[in-house]
Protein backbone atom coordinates (compact mmCIF):
# COMPACT_ATOMS: atom_id res chain seq x y z
CA UNK A 1 120.44 146.13 146.51
CA UNK A 2 121.92 150.00 146.36
CA UNK A 3 124.40 149.28 149.13
CA UNK A 4 126.03 146.30 147.59
CA UNK A 5 126.21 148.89 144.16
CA UNK A 6 127.68 151.73 145.78
CA UNK A 7 130.01 148.99 148.05
CA UNK A 8 130.96 147.39 144.59
CA UNK A 9 131.39 151.11 142.82
CA UNK A 10 133.40 151.63 146.20
CA UNK A 11 135.39 148.61 146.34
CA UNK A 12 136.70 149.42 142.00
CA UNK A 13 138.00 153.50 143.02
CA UNK A 14 139.70 151.60 145.49
CA UNK A 15 141.52 149.24 143.40
CA UNK A 16 141.34 152.17 140.78
CA UNK A 17 143.66 153.73 143.20
CA UNK A 18 146.54 151.50 144.05
CA UNK A 19 146.97 151.66 140.77
CA UNK A 20 147.65 154.31 140.11
CA UNK A 21 150.17 154.16 142.61
CA UNK A 22 151.70 151.68 141.01
CA UNK A 23 151.58 153.60 137.92
CA UNK A 24 153.46 156.36 139.99
CA UNK A 25 156.96 154.53 139.69
CA UNK A 26 156.06 154.19 135.01
CA UNK A 27 154.20 157.39 134.03
CA UNK A 28 154.03 160.69 136.48
CA UNK A 29 151.20 162.95 135.22
CA UNK A 30 148.44 159.25 134.14
CA UNK A 31 148.85 158.00 138.11
CA UNK A 32 148.03 161.74 138.70
CA UNK A 33 145.02 161.90 137.27
CA UNK A 34 143.79 159.08 137.96
CA UNK A 35 144.15 159.12 141.82
CA UNK A 36 143.30 163.20 142.31
CA UNK A 37 139.85 161.49 139.91
CA UNK A 38 139.48 157.65 141.75
CA UNK A 39 140.53 159.49 145.35
CA UNK A 40 137.61 161.54 146.16
CA UNK A 41 135.09 159.72 144.14
CA UNK A 42 135.69 156.33 146.46
CA UNK A 43 136.09 157.80 149.42
CA UNK A 44 132.44 159.59 148.22
CA UNK A 45 131.11 155.97 146.82
CA UNK A 46 131.99 154.17 149.94
CA UNK A 47 130.34 156.61 152.90
CA UNK A 48 127.24 157.13 150.59
CA UNK A 49 127.72 153.03 150.47
CA UNK A 50 127.23 152.85 154.86
CA UNK A 51 124.05 155.77 155.40
CA UNK A 52 121.97 153.49 152.68
CA UNK A 53 119.92 151.24 153.69
CA UNK A 54 120.44 147.54 154.78
CA UNK A 55 120.68 145.25 151.74
CA UNK A 56 117.45 142.71 151.69
CA UNK A 57 118.67 139.22 151.09
CA UNK A 58 122.15 138.43 150.88
CA UNK A 59 121.63 137.44 147.10
CA UNK A 60 120.80 141.12 147.23
CA UNK A 61 123.19 142.54 148.08
CA UNK A 62 125.92 140.23 146.53
CA UNK A 63 125.08 140.45 142.95
CA UNK A 64 124.41 144.30 144.16
CA UNK A 65 128.66 144.39 144.54
CA UNK A 66 129.29 141.99 141.56
CA UNK A 67 126.79 145.53 139.20
CA UNK A 68 128.35 148.04 140.75
CA UNK A 69 132.22 146.32 140.57
CA UNK A 70 131.47 145.73 137.21
CA UNK A 71 130.28 149.45 136.56
CA UNK A 72 133.28 150.90 135.66
CA UNK A 73 134.87 148.63 133.13
CA UNK A 74 131.37 147.72 131.00
CA UNK A 75 131.12 151.47 130.87
CA UNK A 76 135.32 151.77 129.98
CA UNK A 77 134.37 148.02 127.16
CA UNK A 78 130.93 150.48 125.80
CA UNK A 79 133.55 153.82 124.85
CA UNK A 80 136.26 152.42 123.74
CA UNK A 81 133.57 150.01 121.06
CA UNK A 82 132.42 153.38 121.03
CA UNK A 83 135.84 155.58 119.83
CA UNK A 84 136.65 151.84 117.57
CA UNK A 85 133.65 151.46 115.26
CA UNK A 86 133.42 155.23 114.94
CA UNK A 87 137.16 156.10 114.54
CA UNK A 88 138.45 158.02 111.03
CA UNK A 89 141.04 155.86 110.96
CA UNK A 90 141.06 152.02 108.13
CA UNK A 91 140.90 149.25 110.19
């Protein structure tokens, strides 16, 4: 399952690279930050996934990939939720 999670996380980071390339025409500093963070991380994660032992079953592989792919979205949702709940601005 570790290999599936790492491949899912790598896939999500590869999509972040594509998003950063699209953002280059709109907002260069934001795109540079996105590309600067996600490009090296995606390479490291995919290389670690290639070194990980293979999955025991296809169900574990698919479940791990889904968890890995959605983990960045879950973390961002939690961060934004914490910011909204504890923000000093009136609702």
